[in-house]
Amino acid sequence: MDSMCPSRQELLKQIMEIDFALKELNLYLDTHPCCEQAICLFNDFNKKSQKLKNIYAEAYGPLTVDQTSGNTWDWIRNPWPWERMV
């Protein structure tokens, strides 16, 4: 792991914060679909979320099934949610 990479908990916290904002923006855009500012924010947060998830997957393994590699099923190699330490 790169020494500049945030800790697992810090990355997860950042991902959860950004994904929460994405969900809220999604709800807002459902009722305000022409709001250009919200669309830009959604697109920016979506890029940040994907970048952080890629960093996490590279350092600690995939968070979601769509981040697994095509040659191996490394999704199963990480601890299950109930096996993780708090």
C-alpha atoms as a PDB file:
ATOM      1  CA  MET A   1       0.000   0.000   0.000  1.00  0.00           C
ATOM      2  CA  ASP A   2       1.186   3.525  -0.813  1.00  0.00           C
ATOM      3  CA  SER A   3       2.237   5.506   2.265  1.00  0.00           C
ATOM      4  CA  MET A   4       0.212   8.468   0.914  1.00  0.00           C
ATOM      5  CA  CYS A   5      -2.976   6.396   0.740  1.00  0.00           C
ATOM      6  CA  PRO A   6      -5.480   7.172   3.509  1.00  0.00           C
ATOM      7  CA  SER A   7      -6.344   4.442   5.983  1.00  0.00           C
ATOM      8  CA  ARG A   8      -9.119   1.974   5.205  1.00  0.00           C
ATOM      9  CA  GLN A   9     -11.460   3.674   7.683  1.00  0.00           C
ATOM     10  CA  GLU A  10     -10.713   7.143   6.316  1.00  0.00           C
ATOM     11  CA  LEU A  11     -11.358   6.033   2.739  1.00  0.00           C
ATOM     12  CA  LEU A  12     -14.614   4.340   3.739  1.00  0.00           C
ATOM     13  CA  LYS A  13     -15.697   7.480   5.599  1.00  0.00           C
ATOM     14  CA  GLN A  14     -14.963   9.661   2.572  1.00  0.00           C
ATOM     15  CA  ILE A  15     -16.792   7.259   0.252  1.00  0.00           C
ATOM     16  CA  MET A  16     -19.844   7.158   2.529  1.00  0.00           C
ATOM     17  CA  GLU A  17     -19.947  10.957   2.815  1.00  0.00           C
ATOM     18  CA  ILE A  18     -19.763  11.460  -0.939  1.00  0.00           C
ATOM     19  CA  ASP A  19     -22.256   8.676  -1.654  1.00  0.00           C
ATOM     20  CA  PHE A  20     -24.671  10.247   0.844  1.00  0.00           C
ATOM     21  CA  ALA A  21     -24.377  13.567  -0.994  1.00  0.00           C
ATOM     22  CA  LEU A  22     -24.966  11.733  -4.289  1.00  0.00           C
ATOM     23  CA  LYS A  23     -28.172  10.180  -2.960  1.00  0.00           C
ATOM     24  CA  GLU A  24     -29.410  13.553  -1.718  1.00  0.00           C
ATOM     25  CA  LEU A  25     -28.590  15.207  -5.032  1.00  0.00           C
ATOM     26  CA  ASN A  26     -30.346  12.344  -6.821  1.00  0.00           C
ATOM     27  CA  LEU A  27     -33.502  13.015  -4.803  1.00  0.00           C
ATOM     28  CA  TYR A  28     -33.253  16.746  -5.457  1.00  0.00           C
ATOM     29  CA  LEU A  29     -32.783  16.183  -9.188  1.00  0.00           C
ATOM     30  CA  ASP A  30     -35.858  13.944  -9.253  1.00  0.00           C
ATOM     31  CA  THR A  31     -37.917  17.051  -8.475  1.00  0.00           C
ATOM     32  CA  HIS A  32     -35.636  19.662 -10.092  1.00  0.00           C
ATOM     33  CA  PRO A  33     -34.306  17.940 -13.239  1.00  0.00           C
ATOM     34  CA  CYS A  34     -33.290  21.189 -14.961  1.00  0.00           C
ATOM     35  CA  CYS A  35     -31.135  22.564 -12.132  1.00  0.00           C
ATOM     36  CA  GLU A  36     -27.739  22.897 -13.812  1.00  0.00           C
ATOM     37  CA  GLN A  37     -25.929  23.599 -10.547  1.00  0.00           C
ATOM     38  CA  ALA A  38     -27.238  20.347  -9.007  1.00  0.00           C
ATOM     39  CA  ILE A  39     -26.366  18.400 -12.157  1.00  0.00           C
ATOM     40  CA  CYS A  40     -22.807  19.739 -12.066  1.00  0.00           C
ATOM     41  CA  LEU A  41     -22.511  18.918  -8.366  1.00  0.00           C
ATOM     42  CA  PHE A  42     -23.853  15.425  -8.967  1.00  0.00           C
ATOM     43  CA  ASN A  43     -21.349  14.833 -11.768  1.00  0.00           C
ATOM     44  CA  ASP A  44     -18.445  16.135  -9.656  1.00  0.00           C
ATOM     45  CA  PHE A  45     -19.389  14.005  -6.646  1.00  0.00           C
ATOM     46  CA  ASN A  46     -19.900  10.980  -8.881  1.00  0.00           C
ATOM     47  CA  LYS A  47     -16.361  11.332 -10.290  1.00  0.00           C
ATOM     48  CA  LYS A  48     -14.936  11.734  -6.774  1.00  0.00           C
ATOM     49  CA  SER A  49     -16.848   8.682  -5.569  1.00  0.00           C
ATOM     50  CA  GLN A  50     -15.563   6.521  -8.419  1.00  0.00           C
ATOM     51  CA  LYS A  51     -12.003   7.741  -7.875  1.00  0.00           C
ATOM     52  CA  LEU A  52     -12.123   6.974  -4.146  1.00  0.00           C
ATOM     53  CA  LYS A  53     -13.671   3.547  -4.777  1.00  0.00           C
ATOM     54  CA  ASN A  54     -10.901   2.760  -7.255  1.00  0.00           C
ATOM     55  CA  ILE A  55      -8.251   3.838  -4.741  1.00  0.00           C
ATOM     56  CA  TYR A  56      -9.917   1.690  -2.085  1.00  0.00           C
ATOM     57  CA  ALA A  57     -10.172  -1.326  -4.408  1.00  0.00           C
ATOM     58  CA  GLU A  58      -6.518  -1.036  -5.370  1.00  0.00           C
ATOM     59  CA  ALA A  59      -5.359  -0.789  -1.753  1.00  0.00           C
ATOM     60  CA  TYR A  60      -7.829  -3.045   0.088  1.00  0.00           C
ATOM     61  CA  GLY A  61      -9.874  -4.993  -2.455  1.00  0.00           C
ATOM     62  CA  PRO A  62     -13.193  -4.361  -4.187  1.00  0.00           C
ATOM     63  CA  LEU A  63     -16.075  -2.713  -2.365  1.00  0.00           C
ATOM     64  CA  THR A  64     -18.660  -3.726  -4.928  1.00  0.00           C
ATOM     65  CA  VAL A  65     -18.990  -6.651  -7.288  1.00  0.00           C
ATOM     66  CA  ASP A  66     -18.452  -4.426 -10.331  1.00  0.00           C
ATOM     67  CA  GLN A  67     -14.897  -3.710  -9.148  1.00  0.00           C
ATOM     68  CA  THR A  68     -13.739  -7.313  -9.417  1.00  0.00           C
ATOM     69  CA  SER A  69     -11.221  -8.217 -12.067  1.00  0.00           C
ATOM     70  CA  GLY A  70     -12.255 -10.312 -15.028  1.00  0.00           C
ATOM     71  CA  ASN A  71      -9.769 -13.139 -14.401  1.00  0.00           C
ATOM     72  CA  THR A  72     -10.367 -13.876 -10.742  1.00  0.00           C
ATOM     73  CA  TRP A  73     -13.241 -13.634  -8.331  1.00  0.00           C
ATOM     74  CA  ASP A  74     -11.434 -11.514  -5.723  1.00  0.00           C
ATOM     75  CA  TRP A  75     -14.722 -10.200  -4.341  1.00  0.00           C
ATOM     76  CA  ILE A  76     -14.813 -13.223  -2.020  1.00  0.00           C
ATOM     77  CA  ARG A  77     -11.282 -12.694  -0.680  1.00  0.00           C
ATOM     78  CA  ASN A  78     -12.140  -9.793   1.608  1.00  0.00           C
ATOM     79  CA  PRO A  79     -13.828 -10.231   4.961  1.00  0.00           C
ATOM     80  CA  TRP A  80     -17.601 -10.244   4.874  1.00  0.00           C
ATOM     81  CA  PRO A  81     -19.232  -7.236   6.555  1.00  0.00           C
ATOM     82  CA  TRP A  82     -19.899  -9.206   9.758  1.00  0.00           C
ATOM     83  CA  GLU A  83     -16.260 -10.315   9.876  1.00  0.00           C
ATOM     84  CA  ARG A  84     -14.807  -6.812   9.766  1.00  0.00           C
ATOM     85  CA  MET A  85     -13.395  -5.234  12.859  1.00  0.00           C
ATOM     86  CA  VAL A  86     -15.201  -2.129  14.059  1.00  0.00           C
END
